[in-house]
Amino acid sequence: MTTTELARPGDPQPVDQPDPRRYWALMVIAVAQLMIVLDASVVIVALPSAQRALHISVANRQWVMTAYTLAFGSLLLLGGRIADYLGRRRMFFVGLLGFAAASALGGLAQNSAMLFGARALQGAFAAVMAPAALSLLTVTFTEPHERARAFGVYGGISGGGAAIGLVLGGTLTQLASWRWTLLINVPIALIAAFAASRVINESRATSRSGYDVPGAITATAGLFLLVYGFTTAGTHGWGASLTLALLAGAVAVLTAFVAIEMRSPHPLLPLRVVLDRNRGGAYLAALLVGGAMLGTFLFLTYFFQGTLGYSALRTGFAFLPFSGGIIIGAGVASRLLPRSGPRPLMVVGLLLGSAGLLWFTRLGVDSTYLAHILLPEIIVSFGMGMAFVPMSSTALIGVDPKDAGVASALVNTTQQVGSTLGIALLNTIAASAAATFVASHVHTRATARAAVVHGYTTAFTVSAILLLLAAGASAGLIRTSRHDVQTEPESMPEPELEFETIGGARWEAGAPV
C-alpha cells in the first residue's frame, strides 16, 4: 500500500511509514482537545444566567468552574497512566462518550447540585481523554516537520480554546440558553467518536505488568487537597484553619506520593519524566501560564460586563481577536520550531504575553475597547500562540513511548492545576486590592467602581509577573536545540510500542507487516 492510497480502518499501518489517515486523526484529536479546553471557559460568560436560573448563591457560583478544573486536574495523572496500560484509543473513546453523557446531564440540570456534579464528571472524563489524545498525536506523527505542524494545530487549540469558549458561551447564552453551552458537546463528541473509530489506531505500552495503586491514590488525593485548598483560600482567606489544614494535607500527601514513586517498580509518574530539565522546564512554564491566563479571561469578562456594560454576546465577540492571535502565533511557531528550537519561541512568546498583560494594568473606568483593549489583546494572544506550540512539544521530547500517556497528562495537569490555583490566587489579590483602595478613598459610587477596576488591574499585574517567571524558567531550564527537535522521533526507542488496528490485529514497532 502506498501512502497516497486510502487505508481501510482494519489495515495495519507500519510504524515507519506515515499513516495516510493521520491528518484525519489530527482533526478528530483537535476537536476533542477543543472541547476540553473551551469547557473550562465556556461557562464564564454563561455563569450569570445559570446562576439566576438555578438560584445559585454568590458563594457557591465558583463551583460551576471549580468542579470541572478540580476533577480534571486531580485525575489527569491517573488518566494518563490508564491510557498507557489499557490503550490510548480505547480510553479516548471512553473519555469522549463519558464527556458527552456528563454534558447532557449538566445541560438538563434542575438544581445547583446536579450542575456541580455534572461539571465534576466532565472534568473526570476529560482527564481520561486529554492525555490519550496528546499521546495519540505523538505516536501518529513521527516525521519531525509533520509533527511540528501537528503540534502547531494542537498548540493553537490549547491556547485559543479558552477564548473560543468565551465567544461560544456568549453566543449560545444570548441566542439560545446557557444550557446549550453544555448540550452542544453531545453531538460534537458523538461525531468525534464515530470518526475516531475510522481513522485512529490503538497504541499502548507493552510493559504493563503492574499498577501503582498507592501512587494513584496519593497523587489524586494530593492534587485534590492542593486545588481545593487554594479554592477555599479565595472564599475563607489564607489564614483560615480550613485553608491551612487543606494545604498542609496536600504537602504531606504529595510528599508521600514522591516517596512511593521512588520505590515503586511500576510508578504512576516515573520521576525520570519530570527530572529531565527540558521537560521539567516545559511543565513549570505550563503551570505558570495556566495560573496567569484563565484568571485573565475571568477578569476581562468582569470588566466587559461590569464596567463597560457589555451583553453576553458582545463579551464573547470581544474575545474573538484573541482566538485569531492564538491561531496566527501558533502557525508562526510551528513553522519556526524545526529551525529555531523551542527555547527562543517560548521566551519571546511569554515576554510578549507579559507585555500585553502589563498594558492591561492601565485600564480604568473610562477605558474603551478599541483604544485600550484590542491591541494588548492581540499582543497577548500572539505571544501565547508562539509559546504553546514549543511548550507542548518540549514536554514530550525524548520521552519513552511507554511513558507517553503520563507525559501527556502532565502537560494538561500542570495547566489545569495552574489555572485553578491562579484563579484562587488572583481572586484573593483582586479582592484585597479593591478593599485597600476603598479604605484609602472617600466612599462614593465612583470610588466603588474605581476600586473594582483597581482590583482587576492588580490581578493583571500578578498575571504578567507569572508569565515573566515562565519566560525565565524556559530560558534557564530548556536546552533543547533545533537539532534535537529534528532528530527526536528517530531517537525514541521503538520496541516499547505495541499497536492494534481497529480490526484487532497487533504488531510491535519494527515487526514486518
Protein backbone atom coordinates (compact mmCIF):
# COMPACT_ATOMS: atom_id res chain seq x y z
CA MET A 1 0.00 0.00 0.00
CA THR A 2 1.35 3.44 -0.85
CA THR A 3 0.90 6.42 1.40
CA THR A 4 -1.45 8.02 -1.12
CA GLU A 5 -3.98 5.19 -1.04
CA LEU A 6 -6.98 5.36 1.26
CA ALA A 7 -6.50 2.89 4.06
CA ARG A 8 -9.30 0.82 5.48
CA PRO A 9 -9.78 1.02 9.26
CA GLY A 10 -8.62 -2.55 9.75
CA ASP A 11 -5.50 -2.27 7.62
CA PRO A 12 -2.30 -2.39 9.68
CA GLN A 13 -0.07 0.65 9.34
CA PRO A 14 3.66 0.09 9.82
CA VAL A 15 5.16 2.46 12.31
CA ASP A 16 7.96 3.54 9.97
CA GLN A 17 5.57 4.70 7.23
CA PRO A 18 3.18 7.65 7.53
CA ASP A 19 -0.41 6.63 8.11
CA PRO A 20 -2.47 8.10 5.24
CA ARG A 21 -5.25 8.83 7.73
CA ARG A 22 -3.01 10.79 10.08
CA TYR A 23 -4.43 14.22 9.22
CA TRP A 24 -7.97 12.93 9.67
CA ALA A 25 -6.83 11.64 13.06
CA LEU A 26 -5.41 15.09 13.80
CA MET A 27 -8.81 16.65 13.07
CA VAL A 28 -10.54 14.28 15.50
CA ILE A 29 -7.93 14.86 18.21
CA ALA A 30 -8.17 18.62 17.64
CA VAL A 31 -11.95 18.57 18.09
CA ALA A 32 -11.61 16.59 21.33
CA GLN A 33 -8.94 18.94 22.68
CA LEU A 34 -11.06 21.94 21.73
CA MET A 35 -14.00 20.59 23.75
CA ILE A 36 -11.76 20.00 26.76
CA VAL A 37 -10.14 23.44 26.74
CA LEU A 38 -13.17 25.54 25.92
CA ASP A 39 -15.31 23.81 28.55
CA ALA A 40 -13.10 25.37 31.21
CA SER A 41 -14.13 28.82 29.96
CA VAL A 42 -17.40 28.44 28.06
CA VAL A 43 -19.44 28.81 31.24
CA ILE A 44 -17.73 32.04 32.34
CA VAL A 45 -19.98 34.22 30.18
CA ALA A 46 -22.99 31.95 30.78
CA LEU A 47 -22.50 31.87 34.56
CA PRO A 48 -24.78 34.83 35.45
CA SER A 49 -27.68 33.25 33.51
CA ALA A 50 -27.13 29.81 35.06
CA GLN A 51 -26.85 31.39 38.50
CA ARG A 52 -30.23 33.08 38.13
CA ALA A 53 -31.94 30.03 36.62
CA LEU A 54 -30.79 27.56 39.29
CA HIS A 55 -30.74 30.03 42.22
CA ILE A 56 -27.03 29.51 42.89
CA SER A 57 -25.65 31.66 45.69
CA VAL A 58 -22.78 34.07 45.16
CA ALA A 59 -20.62 32.00 47.50
CA ASN A 60 -21.28 28.78 45.56
CA ARG A 61 -21.19 30.03 41.96
CA GLN A 62 -17.43 29.44 41.71
CA TRP A 63 -18.13 25.69 41.80
CA VAL A 64 -19.51 25.80 38.27
CA MET A 65 -15.91 26.34 37.17
CA THR A 66 -14.03 24.80 40.08
CA ALA A 67 -15.83 21.42 39.96
CA TYR A 68 -14.57 20.95 36.40
CA THR A 69 -10.98 22.05 36.93
CA LEU A 70 -10.72 20.26 40.29
CA ALA A 71 -11.74 16.87 38.88
CA PHE A 72 -9.71 17.42 35.72
CA GLY A 73 -6.51 18.47 37.42
CA SER A 74 -6.55 15.85 40.16
CA LEU A 75 -7.29 12.86 37.90
CA LEU A 76 -5.08 13.61 34.89
CA LEU A 77 -2.04 11.63 36.02
CA LEU A 78 -4.18 8.59 36.70
CA GLY A 79 -5.95 9.02 33.36
CA GLY A 80 -2.66 9.19 31.51
CA ARG A 81 -1.30 6.02 33.07
CA ILE A 82 -4.54 4.13 32.45
CA ALA A 83 -4.33 5.16 28.78
CA ASP A 84 -0.77 3.80 28.60
CA TYR A 85 -1.81 0.43 30.02
CA LEU A 86 -5.33 -0.17 28.66
CA GLY A 87 -4.90 1.51 25.29
CA ARG A 88 -4.92 5.17 24.25
CA ARG A 89 -7.58 4.80 21.57
CA ARG A 90 -9.82 2.84 23.93
CA MET A 91 -9.58 5.45 26.68
CA PHE A 92 -10.04 8.22 24.12
CA PHE A 93 -13.41 6.63 23.31
CA VAL A 94 -14.31 6.26 26.98
CA GLY A 95 -13.48 9.91 27.55
CA LEU A 96 -15.47 11.14 24.55
CA LEU A 97 -18.62 9.17 25.36
CA GLY A 98 -18.44 9.92 29.09
CA PHE A 99 -17.90 13.61 28.36
CA ALA A 100 -20.99 13.61 26.14
CA ALA A 101 -23.10 11.99 28.87
CA ALA A 102 -21.86 14.41 31.54
CA SER A 103 -22.54 17.37 29.25
CA ALA A 104 -26.11 16.19 28.70
CA LEU A 105 -26.58 15.83 32.46
CA GLY A 106 -25.32 19.36 33.04
CA GLY A 107 -27.43 20.84 30.26
CA LEU A 108 -30.54 19.28 31.80
CA ALA A 109 -29.64 20.19 35.40
CA GLN A 110 -32.58 21.21 37.59
CA ASN A 111 -30.60 22.44 40.58
CA SER A 112 -27.12 23.58 41.53
CA ALA A 113 -26.01 20.21 42.95
CA MET A 114 -26.88 18.47 39.68
CA LEU A 115 -24.93 21.07 37.70
CA PHE A 116 -21.89 20.88 40.00
CA GLY A 117 -21.90 17.07 39.80
CA ALA A 118 -22.14 17.14 36.01
CA ARG A 119 -19.24 19.56 35.77
CA ALA A 120 -17.15 17.28 38.00
CA LEU A 121 -17.99 14.32 35.75
CA GLN A 122 -17.00 16.38 32.72
CA GLY A 123 -13.64 17.03 34.34
CA ALA A 124 -13.16 13.36 35.22
CA PHE A 125 -13.81 12.15 31.67
CA ALA A 126 -11.71 14.98 30.26
CA ALA A 127 -8.88 13.67 32.46
CA VAL A 128 -9.18 10.34 30.64
CA MET A 129 -9.49 11.85 27.17
CA ALA A 130 -6.83 14.59 27.21
CA PRO A 131 -3.66 12.54 27.84
CA ALA A 132 -4.87 9.84 25.45
CA ALA A 133 -5.39 12.49 22.75
CA LEU A 134 -1.95 14.05 23.09
CA SER A 135 -0.11 10.73 23.23
CA LEU A 136 -2.05 9.52 20.16
CA LEU A 137 -0.87 12.65 18.39
CA THR A 138 2.71 11.89 19.40
CA VAL A 139 2.72 8.32 18.07
CA THR A 140 0.74 9.19 14.93
CA PHE A 141 3.13 11.88 13.65
CA THR A 142 6.71 10.60 13.62
CA GLU A 143 8.30 12.80 10.93
CA PRO A 144 9.80 15.95 12.54
CA HIS A 145 8.30 18.61 10.28
CA GLU A 146 4.88 16.96 10.23
CA ARG A 147 4.98 16.59 13.99
CA ALA A 148 5.79 20.30 14.30
CA ARG A 149 2.76 21.17 12.16
CA ALA A 150 0.56 18.81 14.17
CA PHE A 151 1.72 20.38 17.42
CA GLY A 152 1.04 23.76 15.82
CA VAL A 153 -2.60 22.80 15.44
CA TYR A 154 -2.71 21.29 18.93
CA GLY A 155 -0.95 24.29 20.47
CA GLY A 156 -3.25 26.74 18.73
CA ILE A 157 -6.28 24.91 20.07
CA SER A 158 -4.83 24.58 23.57
CA GLY A 159 -4.09 28.29 23.66
CA GLY A 160 -7.12 29.59 21.79
CA GLY A 161 -9.74 27.18 23.08
CA ALA A 162 -10.41 29.24 26.20
CA ALA A 163 -11.01 32.36 24.10
CA ILE A 164 -13.19 30.41 21.67
CA GLY A 165 -15.15 29.16 24.68
CA LEU A 166 -15.88 32.74 25.72
CA VAL A 167 -17.12 33.60 22.21
CA LEU A 168 -19.21 30.44 22.01
CA GLY A 169 -20.56 30.86 25.54
CA GLY A 170 -21.71 34.40 24.86
CA THR A 171 -23.32 33.47 21.54
CA LEU A 172 -25.19 30.43 22.84
CA THR A 173 -26.32 32.17 26.03
CA GLN A 174 -27.65 35.21 24.18
CA LEU A 175 -29.27 33.43 21.22
CA ALA A 176 -30.43 30.20 22.87
CA SER A 177 -29.84 29.38 26.55
CA TRP A 178 -26.98 28.86 28.96
CA ARG A 179 -27.87 25.15 28.84
CA TRP A 180 -26.59 24.93 25.28
CA THR A 181 -23.07 25.79 26.42
CA LEU A 182 -23.11 22.22 27.77
CA LEU A 183 -25.52 20.45 25.41
CA ILE A 184 -23.51 21.49 22.35
CA ASN A 185 -20.84 18.99 23.41
CA VAL A 186 -23.14 15.99 22.94
CA PRO A 187 -23.36 15.89 19.12
CA ILE A 188 -19.75 17.02 18.74
CA ALA A 189 -18.45 14.24 21.00
CA LEU A 190 -20.57 11.58 19.29
CA ILE A 191 -19.41 12.64 15.82
CA ALA A 192 -15.80 12.69 17.02
CA ALA A 193 -16.17 9.18 18.49
CA PHE A 194 -17.54 7.83 15.21
CA ALA A 195 -14.75 9.49 13.22
CA ALA A 196 -12.11 8.20 15.63
CA SER A 197 -13.31 4.64 15.03
CA ARG A 198 -12.39 5.09 11.37
CA VAL A 199 -9.05 6.87 11.49
CA ILE A 200 -7.24 6.18 14.79
CA ASN A 201 -5.27 3.02 15.54
CA GLU A 202 -4.75 1.61 19.00
CA SER A 203 -1.42 2.03 20.79
CA ARG A 204 -0.27 1.15 24.27
CA ALA A 205 2.84 0.45 26.29
CA THR A 206 3.85 -3.21 26.16
CA SER A 207 5.38 -3.24 29.67
CA ARG A 208 2.20 -3.02 31.72
CA SER A 209 2.69 -5.77 34.29
CA GLY A 210 1.51 -3.82 37.31
CA TYR A 211 -0.45 -0.84 38.61
CA ASP A 212 0.75 1.69 41.14
CA VAL A 213 -2.39 1.81 43.29
CA PRO A 214 -0.79 3.68 46.26
CA GLY A 215 0.68 6.20 43.83
CA ALA A 216 -2.66 6.71 42.12
CA ILE A 217 -4.44 7.28 45.44
CA THR A 218 -1.85 9.69 46.85
CA ALA A 219 -1.47 11.66 43.58
CA THR A 220 -5.21 12.11 43.17
CA ALA A 221 -5.75 12.95 46.85
CA GLY A 222 -2.77 15.32 46.99
CA LEU A 223 -3.78 17.27 43.90
CA PHE A 224 -7.37 17.41 45.14
CA LEU A 225 -6.29 18.83 48.52
CA LEU A 226 -3.97 21.35 46.86
CA VAL A 227 -6.54 22.66 44.40
CA TYR A 228 -9.34 22.64 46.98
CA GLY A 229 -7.08 24.44 49.46
CA PHE A 230 -6.38 27.28 47.03
CA THR A 231 -10.07 27.46 46.14
CA THR A 232 -11.00 27.67 49.82
CA ALA A 233 -8.48 30.46 50.32
CA GLY A 234 -10.41 32.56 47.82
CA THR A 235 -13.54 32.44 49.99
CA HIS A 236 -12.28 31.87 53.56
CA GLY A 237 -8.89 33.59 53.42
CA TRP A 238 -5.34 32.25 53.51
CA GLY A 239 -5.18 32.23 57.29
CA ALA A 240 -8.38 30.24 57.82
CA SER A 241 -7.94 26.95 59.66
CA LEU A 242 -9.64 25.00 56.86
CA THR A 243 -7.33 26.51 54.23
CA LEU A 244 -4.20 25.78 56.27
CA ALA A 245 -5.34 22.23 57.01
CA LEU A 246 -6.01 21.50 53.33
CA LEU A 247 -2.67 22.92 52.18
CA ALA A 248 -0.75 21.10 54.92
CA GLY A 249 -2.53 17.89 53.98
CA ALA A 250 -1.64 18.45 50.32
CA VAL A 251 2.06 18.86 51.15
CA ALA A 252 2.06 15.72 53.30
CA VAL A 253 0.21 13.55 50.78
CA LEU A 254 2.23 14.75 47.77
CA THR A 255 5.45 14.12 49.71
CA ALA A 256 4.23 10.59 50.35
CA PHE A 257 3.47 10.28 46.63
CA VAL A 258 7.05 11.17 45.69
CA ALA A 259 8.39 8.66 48.20
CA ILE A 260 6.12 5.95 46.78
CA GLU A 261 7.17 6.71 43.20
CA MET A 262 10.85 6.43 44.11
CA ARG A 263 10.29 2.86 45.34
CA SER A 264 7.53 1.56 43.07
CA PRO A 265 8.53 -0.94 40.34
CA HIS A 266 5.64 0.38 38.20
CA PRO A 267 5.30 4.06 39.15
CA LEU A 268 2.28 6.11 38.17
CA LEU A 269 4.65 9.01 37.46
CA PRO A 270 8.19 7.84 36.67
CA LEU A 271 10.38 10.58 38.12
CA ARG A 272 12.58 10.36 35.01
CA VAL A 273 9.75 12.09 33.13
CA VAL A 274 9.83 15.15 35.39
CA LEU A 275 13.52 15.32 36.26
CA ASP A 276 14.62 15.84 32.66
CA ARG A 277 15.45 19.57 32.63
CA ASN A 278 13.80 20.23 29.26
CA ARG A 279 10.52 18.56 30.11
CA GLY A 280 10.65 19.94 33.64
CA GLY A 281 11.06 23.45 32.25
CA ALA A 282 8.08 22.95 29.95
CA TYR A 283 5.90 21.66 32.80
CA LEU A 284 6.87 24.57 35.05
CA ALA A 285 6.12 27.04 32.27
CA ALA A 286 2.74 25.38 31.66
CA LEU A 287 1.89 25.67 35.37
CA LEU A 288 2.69 29.40 35.42
CA VAL A 289 0.92 30.09 32.12
CA GLY A 290 -2.17 28.29 33.38
CA GLY A 291 -2.08 30.39 36.54
CA ALA A 292 -1.94 33.60 34.51
CA MET A 293 -4.30 33.09 31.61
CA LEU A 294 -7.64 31.69 32.84
CA GLY A 295 -7.74 34.35 35.54
CA THR A 296 -7.06 36.97 32.87
CA PHE A 297 -10.07 35.77 30.89
CA LEU A 298 -12.20 35.86 34.03
CA PHE A 299 -11.27 39.43 34.98
CA LEU A 300 -11.57 40.71 31.41
CA THR A 301 -15.05 39.19 31.32
CA TYR A 302 -15.93 41.02 34.55
CA PHE A 303 -14.54 44.25 33.06
CA PHE A 304 -16.53 43.87 29.83
CA GLN A 305 -19.84 43.11 31.53
CA GLY A 306 -19.49 45.03 34.79
CA THR A 307 -17.57 48.15 33.73
CA LEU A 308 -18.30 48.51 30.02
CA GLY A 309 -21.84 47.11 30.28
CA TYR A 310 -21.44 44.54 27.51
CA SER A 311 -24.03 41.82 26.92
CA ALA A 312 -23.02 38.15 26.96
CA LEU A 313 -22.93 38.09 23.16
CA ARG A 314 -20.86 41.25 22.86
CA THR A 315 -18.50 39.99 25.55
CA GLY A 316 -17.96 36.80 23.60
CA PHE A 317 -17.15 38.66 20.40
CA ALA A 318 -14.80 40.99 22.27
CA PHE A 319 -12.58 37.92 22.75
CA LEU A 320 -12.64 37.00 19.06
CA PRO A 321 -9.31 38.76 18.25
CA PHE A 322 -7.72 36.64 20.97
CA SER A 323 -8.64 33.47 19.10
CA GLY A 324 -7.24 34.88 15.87
CA GLY A 325 -3.99 35.94 17.52
CA ILE A 326 -3.51 32.50 19.05
CA ILE A 327 -4.02 30.77 15.70
CA ILE A 328 -1.59 33.09 13.90
CA GLY A 329 1.02 32.82 16.65
CA ALA A 330 0.75 29.02 16.69
CA GLY A 331 1.12 28.91 12.92
CA VAL A 332 4.26 31.02 13.06
CA ALA A 333 5.70 28.88 15.85
CA SER A 334 5.02 25.59 14.05
CA ARG A 335 6.98 26.85 11.03
CA LEU A 336 9.89 28.18 13.08
CA LEU A 337 10.15 25.33 15.60
CA PRO A 338 12.25 22.93 13.45
CA ARG A 339 14.63 25.81 12.61
CA SER A 340 14.96 27.67 15.89
CA GLY A 341 14.23 25.06 18.55
CA PRO A 342 11.70 25.60 21.35
CA ARG A 343 13.50 27.91 23.78
CA PRO A 344 13.59 31.15 21.71
CA LEU A 345 9.95 30.77 20.72
CA MET A 346 8.82 30.14 24.29
CA VAL A 347 10.82 33.03 25.74
CA VAL A 348 9.73 35.55 23.09
CA GLY A 349 6.11 34.42 23.23
CA LEU A 350 5.93 34.61 27.02
CA LEU A 351 7.60 38.03 27.09
CA LEU A 352 5.07 39.31 24.55
CA GLY A 353 2.26 37.90 26.68
CA SER A 354 3.65 39.57 29.78
CA ALA A 355 3.97 42.91 27.97
CA GLY A 356 0.35 42.73 26.84
CA LEU A 357 -0.86 41.96 30.35
CA LEU A 358 1.12 44.90 31.73
CA TRP A 359 -0.69 47.07 29.17
CA PHE A 360 -3.99 45.90 30.68
CA THR A 361 -2.92 47.38 34.02
CA ARG A 362 -3.62 50.84 32.54
CA LEU A 363 -7.36 50.12 32.27
CA GLY A 364 -9.71 52.49 34.06
CA VAL A 365 -13.43 53.08 34.41
CA ASP A 366 -13.39 55.31 31.30
CA SER A 367 -11.41 52.92 29.09
CA THR A 368 -12.80 51.76 25.75
CA TYR A 369 -12.33 48.54 23.84
CA LEU A 370 -10.73 49.96 20.69
CA ALA A 371 -8.43 52.40 22.45
CA HIS A 372 -7.29 50.36 25.43
CA ILE A 373 -8.01 46.64 24.99
CA LEU A 374 -7.81 45.49 21.36
CA LEU A 375 -4.07 45.96 20.75
CA PRO A 376 -2.81 44.40 24.01
CA GLU A 377 -5.31 41.57 23.50
CA ILE A 378 -3.71 40.82 20.12
CA ILE A 379 -0.20 41.03 21.60
CA VAL A 380 -1.04 38.63 24.44
CA SER A 381 -2.76 36.14 22.13
CA PHE A 382 0.01 36.13 19.53
CA GLY A 383 2.60 35.60 22.24
CA MET A 384 0.64 32.75 23.80
CA GLY A 385 0.25 31.09 20.41
CA MET A 386 4.01 31.25 19.93
CA ALA A 387 4.62 29.76 23.38
CA PHE A 388 2.04 26.96 23.44
CA VAL A 389 3.39 25.07 20.42
CA PRO A 390 7.01 24.61 21.62
CA MET A 391 5.80 24.13 25.21
CA SER A 392 3.61 21.16 24.24
CA SER A 393 6.33 19.73 22.02
CA THR A 394 9.14 20.11 24.57
CA ALA A 395 7.04 18.41 27.25
CA LEU A 396 7.22 15.21 25.19
CA ILE A 397 10.70 15.42 23.66
CA GLY A 398 12.82 12.37 24.42
CA VAL A 399 10.15 10.61 26.47
CA ASP A 400 10.00 6.83 26.26
CA PRO A 401 6.91 5.73 24.30
CA LYS A 402 5.80 3.64 27.31
CA ASP A 403 5.57 6.93 29.26
CA ALA A 404 3.83 8.92 26.52
CA GLY A 405 0.46 8.89 28.27
CA VAL A 406 1.70 10.12 31.63
CA ALA A 407 3.97 12.71 29.99
CA SER A 408 0.98 13.96 28.00
CA ALA A 409 -1.11 14.00 31.16
CA LEU A 410 1.48 16.19 32.89
CA VAL A 411 1.07 18.88 30.22
CA ASN A 412 -2.63 19.13 30.97
CA THR A 413 -2.20 18.54 34.71
CA THR A 414 0.14 21.50 35.11
CA GLN A 415 -2.08 23.76 33.02
CA GLN A 416 -5.28 22.79 34.84
CA VAL A 417 -3.79 22.87 38.32
CA GLY A 418 -2.16 26.19 37.44
CA SER A 419 -5.47 27.57 36.19
CA THR A 420 -7.33 26.61 39.35
CA LEU A 421 -4.60 27.85 41.66
CA GLY A 422 -4.29 31.03 39.61
CA ILE A 423 -7.99 31.83 39.79
CA ALA A 424 -7.99 31.38 43.57
CA LEU A 425 -4.83 33.46 43.98
CA LEU A 426 -5.91 36.25 41.63
CA ASN A 427 -9.41 36.44 43.14
CA THR A 428 -7.90 36.88 46.58
CA ILE A 429 -5.43 39.52 45.36
CA ALA A 430 -8.08 41.43 43.42
CA ALA A 431 -10.47 41.49 46.38
CA SER A 432 -7.72 42.64 48.74
CA ALA A 433 -6.59 45.38 46.34
CA ALA A 434 -10.15 46.63 45.90
CA ALA A 435 -10.72 46.73 49.67
CA THR A 436 -7.47 48.63 50.22
CA PHE A 437 -8.44 51.14 47.52
CA VAL A 438 -11.84 51.77 49.13
CA ALA A 439 -10.27 52.21 52.57
CA SER A 440 -7.92 54.90 51.27
CA HIS A 441 -10.54 56.95 49.38
CA VAL A 442 -13.76 58.78 50.15
CA HIS A 443 -16.71 56.42 49.81
CA THR A 444 -18.72 57.31 46.69
CA ARG A 445 -20.25 55.35 43.82
CA ALA A 446 -17.35 56.42 41.60
CA THR A 447 -14.89 55.19 44.21
CA ALA A 448 -16.59 51.80 44.30
CA ARG A 449 -16.34 51.44 40.51
CA ALA A 450 -12.72 52.55 40.51
CA ALA A 451 -11.91 50.11 43.33
CA VAL A 452 -13.29 47.18 41.36
CA VAL A 453 -11.22 48.09 38.30
CA HIS A 454 -8.17 48.59 40.53
CA GLY A 455 -8.64 45.02 41.74
CA TYR A 456 -8.71 43.80 38.14
CA THR A 457 -5.56 45.70 37.15
CA THR A 458 -3.73 44.38 40.21
CA ALA A 459 -4.64 40.87 39.12
CA PHE A 460 -3.31 41.64 35.63
CA THR A 461 -0.03 42.77 37.19
CA VAL A 462 0.35 39.46 39.01
CA SER A 463 -0.54 37.56 35.81
CA ALA A 464 2.18 39.47 33.95
CA ILE A 465 4.69 38.51 36.65
CA LEU A 466 3.69 34.86 36.31
CA LEU A 467 4.42 34.98 32.57
CA LEU A 468 7.77 36.65 33.27
CA LEU A 469 8.61 33.79 35.63
CA ALA A 470 7.56 31.31 32.94
CA ALA A 471 9.88 33.04 30.46
CA GLY A 472 12.71 32.85 32.99
CA ALA A 473 12.08 29.16 33.61
CA SER A 474 12.09 28.50 29.86
CA ALA A 475 15.33 30.41 29.34
CA GLY A 476 17.07 28.82 32.31
CA LEU A 477 15.97 25.20 32.09
CA ILE A 478 15.29 24.34 28.46
CA ARG A 479 18.37 23.38 26.49
CA THR A 480 16.75 21.50 23.60
CA SER A 481 18.08 22.72 20.25
CA ARG A 482 16.58 22.65 16.79
CA HIS A 483 18.71 19.57 16.07
CA ASP A 484 17.02 17.74 18.96
CA VAL A 485 13.61 18.70 17.59
CA GLN A 486 14.53 17.36 14.16
CA THR A 487 16.02 14.09 15.36
CA GLU A 488 13.86 13.36 18.38
CA PRO A 489 11.31 10.99 16.77
CA GLU A 490 14.07 8.77 15.40
CA SER A 491 15.74 8.62 18.82
CA MET A 492 12.68 7.25 20.55
CA PRO A 493 13.03 3.56 21.39
CA GLU A 494 10.51 1.96 19.07
CA PRO A 495 10.21 -1.57 20.54
CA GLU A 496 8.25 -0.31 23.56
CA LEU A 497 5.16 0.42 21.46
CA GLU A 498 2.56 -2.13 20.55
CA PHE A 499 -0.09 -1.14 18.03
CA GLU A 500 -3.52 -2.55 17.42
CA THR A 501 -5.61 -1.84 14.36
CA ILE A 502 -9.33 -1.26 14.55
CA GLY A 503 -9.75 -4.75 13.17
CA GLY A 504 -7.90 -6.16 16.17
CA ALA A 505 -4.54 -7.20 14.69
CA ARG A 506 -1.50 -6.44 16.86
CA TRP A 507 2.13 -5.89 15.99
CA GLU A 508 5.18 -4.31 17.58
CA ALA A 509 7.18 -1.46 16.16
CA GLY A 510 9.72 -2.72 13.69
CA ALA A 511 7.91 -6.01 13.11
CA PRO A 512 7.20 -6.99 9.49
CA VAL A 513 3.75 -6.23 8.17
